[in-house]
């Protein structure tokens, strides 16, 4: 017959096993979506599709990561402005139609620098390999921002595919529909040596000296 001490040991063991299983589950979920939020910046969480999902996803015949970068940025700008032209629901939040954005070469350079970094160093994060964030990268290129945000994605084949993924993700959709931004930049870098192969980035911003109309 088990003693009270044996019963206590068994209970403690069960508790430890439960905690280990719970921690393992959390680690698995954390590899799917990396989330970051700050009070002083508009920011978003990163989206990454698993290889199995990407392998089975239909690939539209459209502008791809390997396309000329100005063409790619203009296509993503057009898709973004088409979305902004109508009301959107981003998760539980409703957004009215908002003004279109204009392409800004410095923001495209900012996006390209980070896409290059992710592809070359084989990682996926808003944090650069040097630990810097999108606002650091924009400032380093001379863009004095009032509001700035970044969407990133990895693995997608085409501009249409990555845009659809962002529009269907609440936090990314919120950046697309943000009424406080006026400028846009986009880029993609491909590397056969990197795990996810294609690294996409868009930057949304408004300069410090620009006042929005009432």
N, C-alpha and C. Protein backbone atom coordinates (compact mmCIF):
# COMPACT_ATOMS: atom_id res chain seq x y z
N UNK A 1 0.85 -1.19 0.00
CA UNK A 1 0.00 0.00 0.00
C UNK A 1 0.89 1.25 0.00
N UNK A 2 0.63 2.22 -0.93
CA UNK A 2 1.50 3.41 -0.98
C UNK A 2 1.36 4.28 0.26
N UNK A 3 2.48 4.79 0.68
CA UNK A 3 2.50 5.69 1.84
C UNK A 3 2.18 7.10 1.39
N UNK A 4 1.83 8.00 2.34
CA UNK A 4 1.59 9.41 1.97
C UNK A 4 2.80 10.04 1.26
N UNK A 5 4.02 9.64 1.67
CA UNK A 5 5.21 10.18 0.99
C UNK A 5 5.26 9.73 -0.47
N UNK A 6 4.90 8.43 -0.72
CA UNK A 6 4.88 7.94 -2.10
C UNK A 6 3.85 8.70 -2.93
N UNK A 7 2.69 8.95 -2.35
CA UNK A 7 1.63 9.69 -3.04
C UNK A 7 2.10 11.10 -3.40
N UNK A 8 2.80 11.74 -2.45
CA UNK A 8 3.31 13.10 -2.69
C UNK A 8 4.33 13.10 -3.81
N UNK A 9 5.24 12.11 -3.80
CA UNK A 9 6.26 12.02 -4.85
C UNK A 9 5.61 11.86 -6.22
N UNK A 10 4.57 10.99 -6.27
CA UNK A 10 3.90 10.73 -7.53
C UNK A 10 3.21 12.00 -8.05
N UNK A 11 2.59 12.75 -7.15
CA UNK A 11 1.91 14.00 -7.52
C UNK A 11 2.90 15.02 -8.06
N UNK A 12 4.04 15.15 -7.37
CA UNK A 12 5.07 16.08 -7.81
C UNK A 12 5.60 15.68 -9.18
N UNK A 13 5.80 14.38 -9.40
CA UNK A 13 6.30 13.89 -10.68
C UNK A 13 5.33 14.22 -11.80
N UNK A 14 4.04 14.00 -11.56
CA UNK A 14 3.03 14.32 -12.57
C UNK A 14 3.05 15.80 -12.91
N UNK A 15 3.20 16.64 -11.87
CA UNK A 15 3.22 18.09 -12.08
C UNK A 15 4.42 18.49 -12.94
N UNK A 16 5.59 17.91 -12.67
CA UNK A 16 6.79 18.23 -13.44
C UNK A 16 6.65 17.80 -14.89
N UNK A 17 6.06 16.61 -15.12
CA UNK A 17 5.85 16.13 -16.49
C UNK A 17 4.93 17.07 -17.23
N UNK A 18 3.83 17.52 -16.56
CA UNK A 18 2.90 18.46 -17.17
C UNK A 18 3.58 19.77 -17.56
N UNK A 19 4.42 20.29 -16.67
CA UNK A 19 5.10 21.55 -16.94
C UNK A 19 6.07 21.42 -18.10
N UNK A 20 6.78 20.29 -18.19
CA UNK A 20 7.71 20.08 -19.29
C UNK A 20 6.99 20.02 -20.63
N UNK A 21 5.83 19.33 -20.65
CA UNK A 21 5.04 19.26 -21.88
C UNK A 21 4.53 20.63 -22.29
N UNK A 22 4.09 21.41 -21.33
CA UNK A 22 3.58 22.75 -21.62
C UNK A 22 4.67 23.64 -22.17
N UNK A 23 5.85 23.59 -21.59
CA UNK A 23 6.97 24.42 -22.06
C UNK A 23 7.36 24.03 -23.48
N UNK A 24 7.40 22.70 -23.75
CA UNK A 24 7.74 22.25 -25.09
C UNK A 24 6.75 22.74 -26.11
N UNK A 25 5.46 22.75 -25.77
CA UNK A 25 4.43 23.24 -26.68
C UNK A 25 4.61 24.71 -26.96
N UNK A 26 4.93 25.51 -25.95
CA UNK A 26 5.14 26.93 -26.14
C UNK A 26 6.32 27.20 -27.06
N UNK A 27 7.38 26.45 -26.91
CA UNK A 27 8.54 26.65 -27.76
C UNK A 27 8.19 26.36 -29.22
N UNK A 28 7.38 25.33 -29.43
CA UNK A 28 7.00 24.99 -30.79
C UNK A 28 6.17 26.11 -31.41
N UNK A 29 5.24 26.67 -30.67
CA UNK A 29 4.43 27.76 -31.20
C UNK A 29 5.28 29.00 -31.45
N UNK A 30 6.26 29.23 -30.62
CA UNK A 30 7.05 30.46 -30.75
C UNK A 30 7.92 30.44 -32.00
N UNK A 31 8.17 29.27 -32.58
CA UNK A 31 8.95 29.24 -33.81
C UNK A 31 8.12 29.61 -35.03
N UNK A 32 6.79 29.60 -34.89
CA UNK A 32 5.93 29.89 -36.03
C UNK A 32 5.75 31.39 -36.21
N UNK A 33 5.52 32.12 -35.13
CA UNK A 33 5.29 33.56 -35.20
C UNK A 33 6.15 34.26 -34.16
N UNK A 34 6.96 35.19 -34.60
CA UNK A 34 7.75 36.01 -33.68
C UNK A 34 7.05 37.34 -33.51
N UNK A 35 6.73 37.73 -32.28
CA UNK A 35 5.96 38.93 -32.03
C UNK A 35 6.80 39.96 -31.31
N UNK A 36 6.67 41.21 -31.74
CA UNK A 36 7.34 42.30 -31.05
C UNK A 36 6.43 43.51 -31.07
N UNK A 37 6.28 44.19 -29.94
CA UNK A 37 5.46 45.39 -29.90
C UNK A 37 6.10 46.41 -28.98
N UNK A 38 6.10 47.66 -29.42
CA UNK A 38 6.66 48.75 -28.64
C UNK A 38 5.65 49.88 -28.56
N UNK A 39 5.71 50.66 -27.50
CA UNK A 39 4.74 51.73 -27.33
C UNK A 39 5.06 52.97 -28.15
N UNK A 40 6.31 53.14 -28.53
CA UNK A 40 6.70 54.37 -29.22
C UNK A 40 6.83 54.20 -30.72
N UNK A 41 6.58 53.00 -31.23
CA UNK A 41 6.70 52.76 -32.66
C UNK A 41 5.55 51.90 -33.14
N UNK A 42 5.11 52.15 -34.37
CA UNK A 42 4.19 51.23 -35.00
C UNK A 42 5.00 50.02 -35.46
N UNK A 43 4.58 48.84 -35.07
CA UNK A 43 5.38 47.67 -35.36
C UNK A 43 4.47 46.51 -35.70
N UNK A 44 5.01 45.38 -36.01
CA UNK A 44 4.20 44.23 -36.38
C UNK A 44 4.93 42.94 -36.02
N UNK A 45 4.21 41.83 -36.10
CA UNK A 45 4.88 40.55 -35.91
C UNK A 45 5.24 39.95 -37.26
N UNK A 46 6.28 39.13 -37.25
CA UNK A 46 6.79 38.54 -38.49
C UNK A 46 5.94 37.36 -38.91
N UNK A 47 5.80 37.17 -40.22
CA UNK A 47 5.06 36.01 -40.71
C UNK A 47 6.02 35.10 -41.46
N UNK A 48 5.90 33.79 -41.22
CA UNK A 48 6.75 32.84 -41.91
C UNK A 48 5.94 31.59 -42.22
N UNK A 49 5.92 31.16 -43.47
CA UNK A 49 5.21 29.94 -43.83
C UNK A 49 6.15 28.75 -43.74
N UNK A 50 5.62 27.62 -43.28
CA UNK A 50 6.43 26.40 -43.21
C UNK A 50 6.71 25.92 -44.63
N UNK A 51 7.76 25.12 -44.78
CA UNK A 51 8.12 24.62 -46.10
C UNK A 51 7.01 23.77 -46.69
N UNK A 52 6.31 22.97 -45.86
CA UNK A 52 5.25 22.11 -46.37
C UNK A 52 4.10 22.93 -46.92
N UNK A 53 3.75 24.03 -46.24
CA UNK A 53 2.68 24.90 -46.73
C UNK A 53 3.09 25.55 -48.04
N UNK A 54 4.34 26.02 -48.11
CA UNK A 54 4.80 26.67 -49.32
C UNK A 54 4.84 25.70 -50.50
N UNK A 55 5.19 24.47 -50.24
CA UNK A 55 5.30 23.49 -51.31
C UNK A 55 3.95 23.21 -51.95
N UNK A 56 2.88 23.28 -51.15
CA UNK A 56 1.54 22.98 -51.65
C UNK A 56 0.76 24.20 -52.09
N UNK A 57 1.32 25.39 -51.89
CA UNK A 57 0.59 26.62 -52.21
C UNK A 57 0.66 26.88 -53.71
N UNK A 58 -0.46 27.33 -54.31
CA UNK A 58 -0.41 27.69 -55.73
C UNK A 58 0.47 28.91 -55.95
N UNK A 59 1.22 28.90 -57.01
CA UNK A 59 2.14 30.01 -57.30
C UNK A 59 1.60 30.79 -58.49
N UNK A 60 1.12 32.02 -58.28
CA UNK A 60 0.61 32.80 -59.41
C UNK A 60 1.73 33.21 -60.36
N UNK A 61 1.41 33.30 -61.62
CA UNK A 61 2.39 33.76 -62.61
C UNK A 61 2.43 35.28 -62.54
N UNK A 62 3.35 35.81 -61.78
CA UNK A 62 3.36 37.26 -61.53
C UNK A 62 4.77 37.70 -61.20
N UNK A 63 4.87 38.91 -60.67
CA UNK A 63 6.17 39.47 -60.30
C UNK A 63 6.76 38.67 -59.14
N UNK A 64 7.98 38.20 -59.33
CA UNK A 64 8.62 37.34 -58.34
C UNK A 64 9.75 38.06 -57.63
N UNK A 65 10.31 37.39 -56.64
CA UNK A 65 11.40 37.97 -55.85
C UNK A 65 12.58 38.34 -56.73
N UNK A 66 12.81 37.56 -57.78
CA UNK A 66 13.96 37.79 -58.65
C UNK A 66 13.73 38.89 -59.67
N UNK A 67 12.52 39.47 -59.70
CA UNK A 67 12.21 40.54 -60.65
C UNK A 67 13.02 41.79 -60.34
N UNK A 68 13.07 42.70 -61.30
CA UNK A 68 13.75 43.97 -61.08
C UNK A 68 13.10 44.67 -59.89
N UNK A 69 13.92 45.20 -59.00
CA UNK A 69 13.42 45.64 -57.70
C UNK A 69 12.47 46.83 -57.78
N UNK A 70 12.68 47.75 -58.70
CA UNK A 70 11.76 48.88 -58.83
C UNK A 70 10.40 48.39 -59.30
N UNK A 71 10.39 47.44 -60.22
CA UNK A 71 9.12 46.85 -60.68
C UNK A 71 8.42 46.16 -59.53
N UNK A 72 9.17 45.39 -58.77
CA UNK A 72 8.61 44.67 -57.63
C UNK A 72 8.01 45.65 -56.62
N UNK A 73 8.74 46.71 -56.30
CA UNK A 73 8.25 47.69 -55.32
C UNK A 73 6.99 48.37 -55.82
N UNK A 74 6.93 48.68 -57.12
CA UNK A 74 5.75 49.33 -57.67
C UNK A 74 4.53 48.41 -57.68
N UNK A 75 4.75 47.13 -57.92
CA UNK A 75 3.63 46.18 -57.88
C UNK A 75 3.09 46.06 -56.46
N UNK A 76 3.97 45.95 -55.48
CA UNK A 76 3.52 45.87 -54.09
C UNK A 76 2.85 47.18 -53.66
N UNK A 77 3.34 48.30 -54.16
CA UNK A 77 2.69 49.58 -53.87
C UNK A 77 1.28 49.61 -54.45
N UNK A 78 1.14 49.17 -55.70
CA UNK A 78 -0.19 49.13 -56.33
C UNK A 78 -1.15 48.25 -55.55
N UNK A 79 -0.69 47.06 -55.14
CA UNK A 79 -1.54 46.15 -54.37
C UNK A 79 -1.92 46.77 -53.03
N UNK A 80 -0.97 47.43 -52.41
CA UNK A 80 -1.23 48.08 -51.12
C UNK A 80 -2.26 49.19 -51.28
N UNK A 81 -2.10 50.01 -52.31
CA UNK A 81 -3.03 51.12 -52.51
C UNK A 81 -4.42 50.63 -52.92
N UNK A 82 -4.48 49.52 -53.64
CA UNK A 82 -5.78 48.93 -53.95
C UNK A 82 -6.49 48.50 -52.67
N UNK A 83 -5.73 47.93 -51.73
CA UNK A 83 -6.32 47.53 -50.45
C UNK A 83 -6.76 48.75 -49.65
N UNK A 84 -5.94 49.79 -49.66
CA UNK A 84 -6.25 50.99 -48.89
C UNK A 84 -7.44 51.77 -49.47
N UNK A 85 -7.77 51.51 -50.73
CA UNK A 85 -8.86 52.24 -51.38
C UNK A 85 -10.24 51.79 -50.93
N UNK A 86 -10.30 50.66 -50.23
CA UNK A 86 -11.59 50.17 -49.73
C UNK A 86 -11.47 49.84 -48.25
N UNK A 87 -12.60 49.79 -47.57
CA UNK A 87 -12.60 49.44 -46.15
C UNK A 87 -12.11 48.00 -45.99
N UNK A 88 -11.38 47.75 -44.91
CA UNK A 88 -10.83 46.42 -44.65
C UNK A 88 -11.09 46.03 -43.21
N UNK A 89 -11.21 44.74 -42.99
CA UNK A 89 -11.25 44.20 -41.63
C UNK A 89 -9.93 43.51 -41.36
N UNK A 90 -9.22 43.97 -40.35
CA UNK A 90 -7.94 43.37 -39.96
C UNK A 90 -8.17 42.65 -38.62
N UNK A 91 -8.45 41.37 -38.70
CA UNK A 91 -8.82 40.65 -37.49
C UNK A 91 -10.14 41.17 -36.97
N UNK A 92 -10.15 41.63 -35.73
CA UNK A 92 -11.37 42.16 -35.12
C UNK A 92 -11.55 43.66 -35.35
N UNK A 93 -10.56 44.30 -35.99
CA UNK A 93 -10.62 45.75 -36.19
C UNK A 93 -11.08 46.09 -37.61
N UNK A 94 -11.93 47.12 -37.71
CA UNK A 94 -12.39 47.60 -39.00
C UNK A 94 -11.65 48.90 -39.34
N UNK A 95 -11.19 48.98 -40.59
CA UNK A 95 -10.49 50.17 -41.05
C UNK A 95 -11.24 50.75 -42.25
N UNK A 96 -11.49 52.06 -42.24
CA UNK A 96 -12.10 52.69 -43.42
C UNK A 96 -11.05 52.83 -44.52
N UNK A 97 -11.51 53.15 -45.71
CA UNK A 97 -10.58 53.44 -46.80
C UNK A 97 -9.69 54.62 -46.41
N UNK A 98 -8.44 54.55 -46.81
CA UNK A 98 -7.47 55.60 -46.45
C UNK A 98 -6.71 56.05 -47.71
N UNK A 99 -6.00 57.14 -47.57
CA UNK A 99 -5.28 57.73 -48.70
C UNK A 99 -4.19 56.79 -49.22
N UNK A 100 -3.89 56.85 -50.52
CA UNK A 100 -2.82 56.00 -51.07
C UNK A 100 -1.44 56.46 -50.60
N UNK A 101 -0.49 55.54 -50.70
CA UNK A 101 0.89 55.83 -50.34
C UNK A 101 1.69 56.14 -51.60
N UNK A 102 2.83 56.76 -51.43
CA UNK A 102 3.75 57.00 -52.55
C UNK A 102 5.06 56.28 -52.28
N UNK A 103 5.67 55.82 -53.36
CA UNK A 103 6.93 55.08 -53.24
C UNK A 103 8.06 56.03 -52.87
N UNK A 104 8.85 55.63 -51.87
CA UNK A 104 10.00 56.43 -51.44
C UNK A 104 11.26 55.58 -51.57
N UNK A 105 12.21 56.01 -52.40
CA UNK A 105 13.40 55.18 -52.65
C UNK A 105 14.22 54.87 -51.40
N UNK A 106 14.26 55.78 -50.44
CA UNK A 106 15.02 55.51 -49.22
C UNK A 106 14.38 54.36 -48.44
N UNK A 107 13.06 54.30 -48.42
CA UNK A 107 12.39 53.20 -47.71
C UNK A 107 12.58 51.88 -48.45
N UNK A 108 12.62 51.92 -49.77
CA UNK A 108 12.92 50.69 -50.52
C UNK A 108 14.35 50.24 -50.25
N UNK A 109 15.29 51.20 -50.17
CA UNK A 109 16.67 50.85 -49.81
C UNK A 109 16.73 50.26 -48.40
N UNK A 110 15.92 50.80 -47.50
CA UNK A 110 15.86 50.29 -46.12
C UNK A 110 15.35 48.86 -46.11
N UNK A 111 14.30 48.61 -46.87
CA UNK A 111 13.75 47.25 -46.96
C UNK A 111 14.75 46.29 -47.60
N UNK A 112 15.44 46.76 -48.64
CA UNK A 112 16.40 45.89 -49.35
C UNK A 112 17.57 45.54 -48.45
N UNK A 113 18.04 46.48 -47.66
CA UNK A 113 19.17 46.20 -46.77
C UNK A 113 18.82 45.09 -45.80
N UNK A 114 17.60 45.11 -45.28
CA UNK A 114 17.23 44.08 -44.31
C UNK A 114 16.96 42.75 -44.99
N UNK A 115 16.35 42.78 -46.17
CA UNK A 115 16.14 41.54 -46.92
C UNK A 115 17.48 40.89 -47.28
N UNK A 116 18.44 41.71 -47.71
CA UNK A 116 19.79 41.20 -48.00
C UNK A 116 20.41 40.56 -46.76
N UNK A 117 20.26 41.25 -45.64
CA UNK A 117 20.84 40.77 -44.38
C UNK A 117 20.26 39.42 -44.00
N UNK A 118 18.92 39.29 -44.07
CA UNK A 118 18.28 38.03 -43.70
C UNK A 118 18.71 36.90 -44.64
N UNK A 119 18.78 37.20 -45.94
CA UNK A 119 19.16 36.17 -46.91
C UNK A 119 20.61 35.74 -46.74
N UNK A 120 21.49 36.70 -46.53
CA UNK A 120 22.92 36.39 -46.43
C UNK A 120 23.28 35.72 -45.11
N UNK A 121 22.65 36.17 -44.03
CA UNK A 121 22.95 35.59 -42.72
C UNK A 121 22.01 34.44 -42.35
N UNK A 122 21.04 34.15 -43.21
CA UNK A 122 20.12 33.02 -43.04
C UNK A 122 19.36 33.09 -41.71
N UNK A 123 18.57 34.15 -41.54
CA UNK A 123 17.72 34.27 -40.35
C UNK A 123 16.44 34.99 -40.75
N UNK A 124 15.48 35.02 -39.85
CA UNK A 124 14.20 35.67 -40.13
C UNK A 124 13.74 36.40 -38.88
N UNK A 125 13.85 37.71 -38.89
CA UNK A 125 13.51 38.51 -37.72
C UNK A 125 13.47 39.98 -38.11
N UNK A 126 12.71 40.78 -37.34
CA UNK A 126 12.77 42.23 -37.52
C UNK A 126 14.11 42.77 -37.03
N UNK A 127 14.75 42.11 -36.09
CA UNK A 127 16.07 42.50 -35.62
C UNK A 127 17.10 42.13 -36.68
N UNK A 128 17.91 43.08 -37.10
CA UNK A 128 18.96 42.77 -38.03
C UNK A 128 20.07 41.96 -37.39
N UNK A 129 20.99 41.46 -38.20
CA UNK A 129 22.12 40.70 -37.64
C UNK A 129 22.98 41.57 -36.74
N UNK A 130 22.86 42.90 -36.91
CA UNK A 130 23.57 43.85 -36.06
C UNK A 130 22.74 44.30 -34.87
N UNK A 131 21.53 43.74 -34.71
CA UNK A 131 20.66 44.07 -33.59
C UNK A 131 19.79 45.29 -33.82
N UNK A 132 19.90 45.93 -34.99
CA UNK A 132 19.14 47.15 -35.26
C UNK A 132 17.74 46.84 -35.77
N UNK A 133 16.84 47.83 -35.62
CA UNK A 133 15.46 47.71 -36.03
C UNK A 133 15.19 48.59 -37.25
N UNK A 134 13.97 48.52 -37.77
CA UNK A 134 13.63 49.26 -38.99
C UNK A 134 13.86 50.76 -38.84
N UNK A 135 13.52 51.32 -37.66
CA UNK A 135 13.73 52.76 -37.49
C UNK A 135 15.22 53.12 -37.50
N UNK A 136 16.06 52.23 -36.98
CA UNK A 136 17.51 52.46 -37.04
C UNK A 136 17.99 52.44 -38.49
N UNK A 137 17.49 51.49 -39.26
CA UNK A 137 17.92 51.35 -40.65
C UNK A 137 17.47 52.56 -41.48
N UNK A 138 16.26 53.05 -41.22
CA UNK A 138 15.77 54.22 -41.95
C UNK A 138 16.55 55.47 -41.58
N UNK A 139 16.78 55.67 -40.29
CA UNK A 139 17.55 56.83 -39.85
C UNK A 139 18.96 56.83 -40.42
N UNK A 140 19.57 55.65 -40.49
CA UNK A 140 20.93 55.55 -41.02
C UNK A 140 21.01 55.98 -42.48
N UNK A 141 19.87 55.92 -43.18
CA UNK A 141 19.83 56.31 -44.59
C UNK A 141 19.24 57.71 -44.78
N UNK A 142 19.04 58.41 -43.64
CA UNK A 142 18.64 59.81 -43.72
C UNK A 142 17.15 60.07 -43.68
N UNK A 143 16.34 59.03 -43.41
CA UNK A 143 14.89 59.24 -43.34
C UNK A 143 14.51 59.55 -41.90
N UNK A 144 14.14 60.81 -41.65
CA UNK A 144 13.72 61.25 -40.33
C UNK A 144 12.21 60.99 -40.19
N UNK A 145 11.85 59.99 -39.44
CA UNK A 145 10.45 59.54 -39.42
C UNK A 145 9.67 60.11 -38.23
N UNK A 146 8.38 60.23 -38.45
CA UNK A 146 7.44 60.47 -37.36
C UNK A 146 6.77 59.16 -36.96
N UNK A 147 6.39 58.37 -37.97
CA UNK A 147 5.81 57.04 -37.77
C UNK A 147 6.49 56.09 -38.73
N UNK A 148 6.78 54.88 -38.27
CA UNK A 148 7.42 53.90 -39.16
C UNK A 148 6.99 52.50 -38.76
N UNK A 149 6.82 51.63 -39.75
CA UNK A 149 6.40 50.25 -39.51
C UNK A 149 7.03 49.36 -40.58
N UNK A 150 7.08 48.08 -40.28
CA UNK A 150 7.72 47.12 -41.20
C UNK A 150 6.94 45.82 -41.23
N UNK A 151 6.70 45.31 -42.42
CA UNK A 151 6.19 43.95 -42.61
C UNK A 151 7.31 43.13 -43.26
N UNK A 152 7.52 41.93 -42.76
CA UNK A 152 8.47 41.02 -43.41
C UNK A 152 7.81 39.67 -43.60
N UNK A 153 8.31 38.92 -44.55
CA UNK A 153 7.82 37.57 -44.82
C UNK A 153 8.94 36.79 -45.48
N UNK A 154 8.82 35.47 -45.44
CA UNK A 154 9.87 34.64 -46.04
C UNK A 154 9.25 33.45 -46.74
N UNK A 155 9.84 33.09 -47.88
CA UNK A 155 9.45 31.90 -48.60
C UNK A 155 8.49 32.12 -49.75
N UNK A 156 7.71 33.17 -49.72
CA UNK A 156 6.70 33.39 -50.76
C UNK A 156 7.34 33.57 -52.13
N UNK A 157 6.63 33.10 -53.16
CA UNK A 157 7.17 33.16 -54.52
C UNK A 157 6.95 34.51 -55.18
N UNK A 158 5.77 35.11 -54.99
CA UNK A 158 5.43 36.28 -55.78
C UNK A 158 4.93 37.44 -54.92
N UNK A 159 4.92 38.63 -55.53
CA UNK A 159 4.42 39.81 -54.84
C UNK A 159 2.95 39.65 -54.46
N UNK A 160 2.14 39.08 -55.36
CA UNK A 160 0.72 38.88 -55.06
C UNK A 160 0.53 37.94 -53.88
N UNK A 161 1.35 36.88 -53.84
CA UNK A 161 1.23 35.89 -52.77
C UNK A 161 1.59 36.49 -51.41
N UNK A 162 2.68 37.24 -51.37
CA UNK A 162 3.10 37.80 -50.08
C UNK A 162 2.13 38.90 -49.64
N UNK A 163 1.61 39.68 -50.58
CA UNK A 163 0.64 40.72 -50.23
C UNK A 163 -0.63 40.09 -49.66
N UNK A 164 -1.11 39.03 -50.28
CA UNK A 164 -2.31 38.35 -49.78
C UNK A 164 -2.09 37.82 -48.37
N UNK A 165 -0.89 37.29 -48.11
CA UNK A 165 -0.58 36.80 -46.76
C UNK A 165 -0.61 37.92 -45.74
N UNK A 166 -0.04 39.07 -46.08
CA UNK A 166 -0.03 40.21 -45.16
C UNK A 166 -1.45 40.73 -44.93
N UNK A 167 -2.24 40.79 -45.99
CA UNK A 167 -3.60 41.33 -45.86
C UNK A 167 -4.46 40.42 -44.99
N UNK A 168 -4.17 39.13 -44.99
CA UNK A 168 -4.94 38.17 -44.19
C UNK A 168 -4.41 38.01 -42.77
N UNK A 169 -3.32 38.70 -42.44
CA UNK A 169 -2.76 38.66 -41.09
C UNK A 169 -3.13 39.96 -40.38
N UNK A 170 -3.84 39.90 -39.24
CA UNK A 170 -4.34 41.13 -38.61
C UNK A 170 -3.30 42.21 -38.40
N UNK A 171 -2.15 41.88 -37.83
CA UNK A 171 -1.17 42.92 -37.52
C UNK A 171 -0.52 43.49 -38.78
N UNK A 172 -0.27 42.64 -39.78
CA UNK A 172 0.29 43.13 -41.03
C UNK A 172 -0.74 43.99 -41.78
N UNK A 173 -1.99 43.54 -41.73
CA UNK A 173 -3.08 44.29 -42.36
C UNK A 173 -3.21 45.68 -41.73
N UNK A 174 -3.02 45.77 -40.41
CA UNK A 174 -3.10 47.07 -39.74
C UNK A 174 -2.03 48.02 -40.25
N UNK A 175 -0.84 47.51 -40.52
CA UNK A 175 0.21 48.36 -41.10
C UNK A 175 -0.19 48.82 -42.51
N UNK A 176 -0.75 47.92 -43.30
CA UNK A 176 -1.19 48.27 -44.64
C UNK A 176 -2.25 49.38 -44.62
N UNK A 177 -3.12 49.36 -43.60
CA UNK A 177 -4.24 50.29 -43.54
C UNK A 177 -3.98 51.47 -42.60
N UNK A 178 -2.77 51.62 -42.13
CA UNK A 178 -2.45 52.69 -41.18
C UNK A 178 -2.65 54.06 -41.84
N UNK A 179 -3.56 54.90 -41.30
CA UNK A 179 -3.79 56.22 -41.91
C UNK A 179 -2.68 57.22 -41.61
N UNK A 180 -1.78 56.89 -40.70
CA UNK A 180 -0.74 57.83 -40.27
C UNK A 180 0.53 57.75 -41.10
N UNK A 181 0.56 56.89 -42.13
CA UNK A 181 1.75 56.79 -42.97
C UNK A 181 1.43 57.30 -44.37
N UNK A 182 2.45 57.78 -45.06
CA UNK A 182 2.28 58.33 -46.41
C UNK A 182 3.27 57.76 -47.42
N UNK A 183 4.38 57.21 -46.95
CA UNK A 183 5.44 56.69 -47.83
C UNK A 183 5.55 55.18 -47.71
N UNK A 184 6.10 54.57 -48.75
CA UNK A 184 6.17 53.11 -48.85
C UNK A 184 7.47 52.71 -49.52
N UNK A 185 8.03 51.61 -49.10
CA UNK A 185 9.19 51.01 -49.76
C UNK A 185 9.11 49.50 -49.68
N UNK A 186 9.65 48.81 -50.66
CA UNK A 186 9.56 47.35 -50.66
C UNK A 186 10.75 46.74 -51.38
N UNK A 187 11.06 45.49 -51.02
CA UNK A 187 12.18 44.78 -51.64
C UNK A 187 12.07 43.29 -51.35
N UNK A 188 12.83 42.53 -52.09
CA UNK A 188 12.93 41.09 -51.83
C UNK A 188 14.33 40.63 -52.24
N UNK A 189 14.88 39.70 -51.48
CA UNK A 189 16.19 39.13 -51.78
C UNK A 189 16.08 37.61 -51.78
N UNK A 190 16.62 36.99 -52.80
CA UNK A 190 16.59 35.53 -52.91
C UNK A 190 17.99 34.96 -52.70
N UNK A 191 18.05 33.83 -52.01
CA UNK A 191 19.32 33.13 -51.81
C UNK A 191 19.06 31.64 -51.73
N UNK A 192 19.67 30.88 -52.61
CA UNK A 192 19.51 29.43 -52.58
C UNK A 192 20.20 28.81 -51.38
N UNK A 193 21.10 29.55 -50.74
CA UNK A 193 21.82 29.02 -49.59
C UNK A 193 21.09 29.25 -48.27
N UNK A 194 20.04 30.07 -48.29
CA UNK A 194 19.29 30.36 -47.06
C UNK A 194 18.11 29.40 -46.94
N UNK A 195 17.73 29.09 -45.72
CA UNK A 195 16.69 28.09 -45.47
C UNK A 195 15.37 28.43 -46.16
N UNK A 196 14.95 29.68 -46.07
CA UNK A 196 13.64 30.07 -46.60
C UNK A 196 13.71 30.71 -47.99
N UNK A 197 14.91 30.87 -48.51
CA UNK A 197 15.20 31.24 -49.90
C UNK A 197 14.81 32.66 -50.31
N UNK A 198 13.60 33.10 -50.00
CA UNK A 198 13.17 34.43 -50.44
C UNK A 198 12.73 35.24 -49.22
N UNK A 199 13.28 36.46 -49.10
CA UNK A 199 13.04 37.30 -47.93
C UNK A 199 12.46 38.64 -48.38
N UNK A 200 11.21 38.88 -48.01
CA UNK A 200 10.46 40.05 -48.44
C UNK A 200 10.38 41.07 -47.32
N UNK A 201 10.33 42.34 -47.70
CA UNK A 201 10.15 43.39 -46.70
C UNK A 201 9.45 44.60 -47.27
N UNK A 202 8.56 45.20 -46.49
CA UNK A 202 7.97 46.49 -46.85
C UNK A 202 8.10 47.42 -45.65
N UNK A 203 8.29 48.69 -45.93
CA UNK A 203 8.39 49.70 -44.88
C UNK A 203 7.35 50.78 -45.15
N UNK A 204 6.60 51.13 -44.11
CA UNK A 204 5.58 52.17 -44.17
C UNK A 204 6.02 53.30 -43.24
N UNK A 205 5.96 54.55 -43.70
CA UNK A 205 6.46 55.62 -42.84
C UNK A 205 5.85 56.96 -43.23
N UNK A 206 6.00 57.91 -42.32
CA UNK A 206 5.70 59.31 -42.58
C UNK A 206 6.84 60.13 -42.03
N UNK A 207 7.37 61.08 -42.81
CA UNK A 207 8.50 61.87 -42.32
C UNK A 207 8.11 62.79 -41.18
N UNK A 208 9.09 63.16 -40.38
CA UNK A 208 8.86 63.95 -39.20
C UNK A 208 8.28 65.33 -39.50
N UNK A 209 8.64 65.88 -40.65
CA UNK A 209 8.21 67.25 -40.98
C UNK A 209 6.91 67.30 -41.77
N UNK A 210 6.24 66.16 -41.96
CA UNK A 210 5.01 66.13 -42.75
C UNK A 210 3.80 66.07 -41.84
N UNK A 211 2.87 67.01 -42.03
CA UNK A 211 1.63 67.07 -41.27
C UNK A 211 0.50 66.54 -42.14
N UNK A 212 -0.31 65.65 -41.59
CA UNK A 212 -1.42 65.11 -42.35
C UNK A 212 -2.55 66.13 -42.45
N UNK A 213 -3.27 66.17 -43.58
CA UNK A 213 -4.42 67.08 -43.69
C UNK A 213 -5.53 66.66 -42.73
N UNK A 214 -6.30 67.61 -42.24
CA UNK A 214 -7.41 67.32 -41.32
C UNK A 214 -8.56 66.66 -42.08
